[in-house]
Structures are given as C-alpha cells and as structure tokens.
C-alpha cells in the first residue's frame, strides 16, 4: 500500500537548496534530485522499511550523496520532516517532530 507523501516546508526548502548547490558546484542537480526522489518513492511504498530512530521518526539514508531523509508515518500519509546532509547536526529535525 502506497501512502501519500508530504514534505514539510523545511524539508522542501532543504531539498531545493541542496539540489541547487549540487547543480551549481558539480552540475549534478538533476541526478541528486532523482536519487532523493527514488528514496521518497520507496518510503511511500514501504513506509515501515526503515527503523524508528527517535520516538516515531524514521531515517532513510541516501548513500550516494550522504543525505538522510527523516520522516514520520501517520495513519494516512508519510510526513518528511527533514532532508539533511550526513554531516549536519541530526538534532535539527527533532524540533520539527
């Protein structure tokens, strides 16, 4: 069962900023966005695939780009809280949950 996927405003902004950075620095914006999109589709299709990291928040890794997608499974949707580079402080998303 595929759940509806919703990006929090902060997550959407993080995705946009990272895509723009990859495009500007290495002309890889489209590839980065595609990789993130694949992770998001997998999360929507199999939301319980990734273990709980903190309370009810889960984390999916985007290995090729060292990014993490933090999300929460709700009754009718998957809410993406943050899309952060692996070197960023993971506590950033905790204030959003």
C-alpha atoms as a PDB file:
ATOM      1  CA  UNK A   1       0.000   0.000   0.000  1.00  0.00           C
ATOM      2  CA  UNK A   2       1.434   3.346  -1.033  1.00  0.00           C
ATOM      3  CA  UNK A   3       0.833   6.238   1.331  1.00  0.00           C
ATOM      4  CA  UNK A   4       0.608   9.862   0.301  1.00  0.00           C
ATOM      5  CA  UNK A   5       3.957  11.595   0.799  1.00  0.00           C
ATOM      6  CA  UNK A   6       4.052  15.135   2.194  1.00  0.00           C
ATOM      7  CA  UNK A   7       7.187  17.241   2.578  1.00  0.00           C
ATOM      8  CA  UNK A   8       7.237  19.692   5.468  1.00  0.00           C
ATOM      9  CA  UNK A   9       8.121  23.210   4.317  1.00  0.00           C
ATOM     10  CA  UNK A  10      11.580  22.911   5.874  1.00  0.00           C
ATOM     11  CA  UNK A  11      12.245  19.609   4.101  1.00  0.00           C
ATOM     12  CA  UNK A  12      11.128  21.054   0.765  1.00  0.00           C
ATOM     13  CA  UNK A  13      13.442  24.043   1.295  1.00  0.00           C
ATOM     14  CA  UNK A  14      16.344  21.756   2.211  1.00  0.00           C
ATOM     15  CA  UNK A  15      15.782  19.666  -0.905  1.00  0.00           C
ATOM     16  CA  UNK A  16      15.635  22.738  -3.122  1.00  0.00           C
ATOM     17  CA  UNK A  17      18.785  24.261  -1.589  1.00  0.00           C
ATOM     18  CA  UNK A  18      20.765  21.012  -1.873  1.00  0.00           C
ATOM     19  CA  UNK A  19      19.645  20.468  -5.472  1.00  0.00           C
ATOM     20  CA  UNK A  20      20.706  23.998  -6.379  1.00  0.00           C
ATOM     21  CA  UNK A  21      24.078  23.523  -4.634  1.00  0.00           C
ATOM     22  CA  UNK A  22      24.785  20.261  -6.491  1.00  0.00           C
ATOM     23  CA  UNK A  23      23.832  21.882  -9.773  1.00  0.00           C
ATOM     24  CA  UNK A  24      25.969  24.959  -9.163  1.00  0.00           C
ATOM     25  CA  UNK A  25      29.036  23.106  -7.829  1.00  0.00           C
ATOM     26  CA  UNK A  26      29.105  19.945  -9.943  1.00  0.00           C
ATOM     27  CA  UNK A  27      26.258  20.063 -12.485  1.00  0.00           C
ATOM     28  CA  UNK A  28      24.659  17.151 -10.603  1.00  0.00           C
ATOM     29  CA  UNK A  29      21.410  18.788  -9.514  1.00  0.00           C
ATOM     30  CA  UNK A  30      19.179  16.538 -11.623  1.00  0.00           C
ATOM     31  CA  UNK A  31      20.986  13.370 -10.521  1.00  0.00           C
ATOM     32  CA  UNK A  32      20.789  14.387  -6.867  1.00  0.00           C
ATOM     33  CA  UNK A  33      17.079  15.192  -7.150  1.00  0.00           C
ATOM     34  CA  UNK A  34      16.470  11.868  -8.902  1.00  0.00           C
ATOM     35  CA  UNK A  35      18.258   9.962  -6.144  1.00  0.00           C
ATOM     36  CA  UNK A  36      16.188  11.720  -3.473  1.00  0.00           C
ATOM     37  CA  UNK A  37      13.011  11.059  -5.467  1.00  0.00           C
ATOM     38  CA  UNK A  38      13.804   7.323  -5.549  1.00  0.00           C
ATOM     39  CA  UNK A  39      14.182   7.270  -1.767  1.00  0.00           C
ATOM     40  CA  UNK A  40      10.917   9.174  -1.323  1.00  0.00           C
ATOM     41  CA  UNK A  41       9.049   6.756  -3.607  1.00  0.00           C
ATOM     42  CA  UNK A  42      10.447   3.799  -1.682  1.00  0.00           C
ATOM     43  CA  UNK A  43       9.387   5.414   1.619  1.00  0.00           C
ATOM     44  CA  UNK A  44       5.858   5.990   0.301  1.00  0.00           C
ATOM     45  CA  UNK A  45       5.586   2.376  -0.914  1.00  0.00           C
ATOM     46  CA  UNK A  46       7.171   0.713   2.127  1.00  0.00           C
ATOM     47  CA  UNK A  47       6.978   3.276   4.952  1.00  0.00           C
ATOM     48  CA  UNK A  48       7.973   0.840   7.709  1.00  0.00           C
ATOM     49  CA  UNK A  49      11.122  -0.288   5.878  1.00  0.00           C
ATOM     50  CA  UNK A  50      13.400   1.886   7.986  1.00  0.00           C
ATOM     51  CA  UNK A  51      13.636   1.547  11.737  1.00  0.00           C
ATOM     52  CA  UNK A  52      12.471   4.077  14.274  1.00  0.00           C
ATOM     53  CA  UNK A  53      15.294   6.448  15.151  1.00  0.00           C
ATOM     54  CA  UNK A  54      13.657   8.638  17.779  1.00  0.00           C
ATOM     55  CA  UNK A  55      10.102   8.380  19.117  1.00  0.00           C
ATOM     56  CA  UNK A  56       8.117   7.807  15.908  1.00  0.00           C
ATOM     57  CA  UNK A  57      10.617   9.317  13.456  1.00  0.00           C
ATOM     58  CA  UNK A  58      12.431   7.099  10.960  1.00  0.00           C
ATOM     59  CA  UNK A  59      15.506   7.719   8.850  1.00  0.00           C
ATOM     60  CA  UNK A  60      16.279   6.632   5.284  1.00  0.00           C
ATOM     61  CA  UNK A  61      19.825   7.052   4.028  1.00  0.00           C
ATOM     62  CA  UNK A  62      20.679   8.399   0.592  1.00  0.00           C
ATOM     63  CA  UNK A  63      24.044   6.716   0.315  1.00  0.00           C
ATOM     64  CA  UNK A  64      25.423   8.128  -2.921  1.00  0.00           C
ATOM     65  CA  UNK A  65      25.085  11.699  -1.639  1.00  0.00           C
ATOM     66  CA  UNK A  66      25.416  11.132   2.135  1.00  0.00           C
ATOM     67  CA  UNK A  67      21.989  12.565   2.855  1.00  0.00           C
ATOM     68  CA  UNK A  68      19.343  11.396   5.314  1.00  0.00           C
ATOM     69  CA  UNK A  69      15.577  11.652   4.962  1.00  0.00           C
ATOM     70  CA  UNK A  70      13.825  11.908   8.335  1.00  0.00           C
ATOM     71  CA  UNK A  71      10.147  11.038   8.232  1.00  0.00           C
ATOM     72  CA  UNK A  72       7.121  10.038  10.274  1.00  0.00           C
ATOM     73  CA  UNK A  73       4.487   7.502   9.250  1.00  0.00           C
ATOM     74  CA  UNK A  74       0.989   8.740  10.036  1.00  0.00           C
ATOM     75  CA  UNK A  75      -2.333   6.990   9.517  1.00  0.00           C
ATOM     76  CA  UNK A  76      -2.937   8.356   6.018  1.00  0.00           C
ATOM     77  CA  UNK A  77       0.409   9.782   4.933  1.00  0.00           C
ATOM     78  CA  UNK A  78       4.166   9.900   5.307  1.00  0.00           C
ATOM     79  CA  UNK A  79       5.417  13.260   6.546  1.00  0.00           C
ATOM     80  CA  UNK A  80       9.006  14.083   5.584  1.00  0.00           C
ATOM     81  CA  UNK A  81      10.422  16.273   8.340  1.00  0.00           C
ATOM     82  CA  UNK A  82      13.921  16.920   7.004  1.00  0.00           C
ATOM     83  CA  UNK A  83      16.357  16.130   4.211  1.00  0.00           C
ATOM     84  CA  UNK A  84      19.824  16.741   5.656  1.00  0.00           C
ATOM     85  CA  UNK A  85      23.424  16.060   4.714  1.00  0.00           C
ATOM     86  CA  UNK A  86      25.014  13.389   6.893  1.00  0.00           C
ATOM     87  CA  UNK A  87      27.454  15.885   8.413  1.00  0.00           C
ATOM     88  CA  UNK A  88      24.687  18.176   9.678  1.00  0.00           C
ATOM     89  CA  UNK A  89      23.518  18.040  13.271  1.00  0.00           C
ATOM     90  CA  UNK A  90      20.713  15.442  13.308  1.00  0.00           C
ATOM     91  CA  UNK A  91      19.019  17.279  16.167  1.00  0.00           C
ATOM     92  CA  UNK A  92      17.812  19.858  13.626  1.00  0.00           C
ATOM     93  CA  UNK A  93      14.802  17.705  12.720  1.00  0.00           C
ATOM     94  CA  UNK A  94      13.873  16.884  16.346  1.00  0.00           C
ATOM     95  CA  UNK A  95      12.350  20.315  16.876  1.00  0.00           C
ATOM     96  CA  UNK A  96      10.055  19.625  13.908  1.00  0.00           C
ATOM     97  CA  UNK A  97       8.526  16.406  15.222  1.00  0.00           C
END
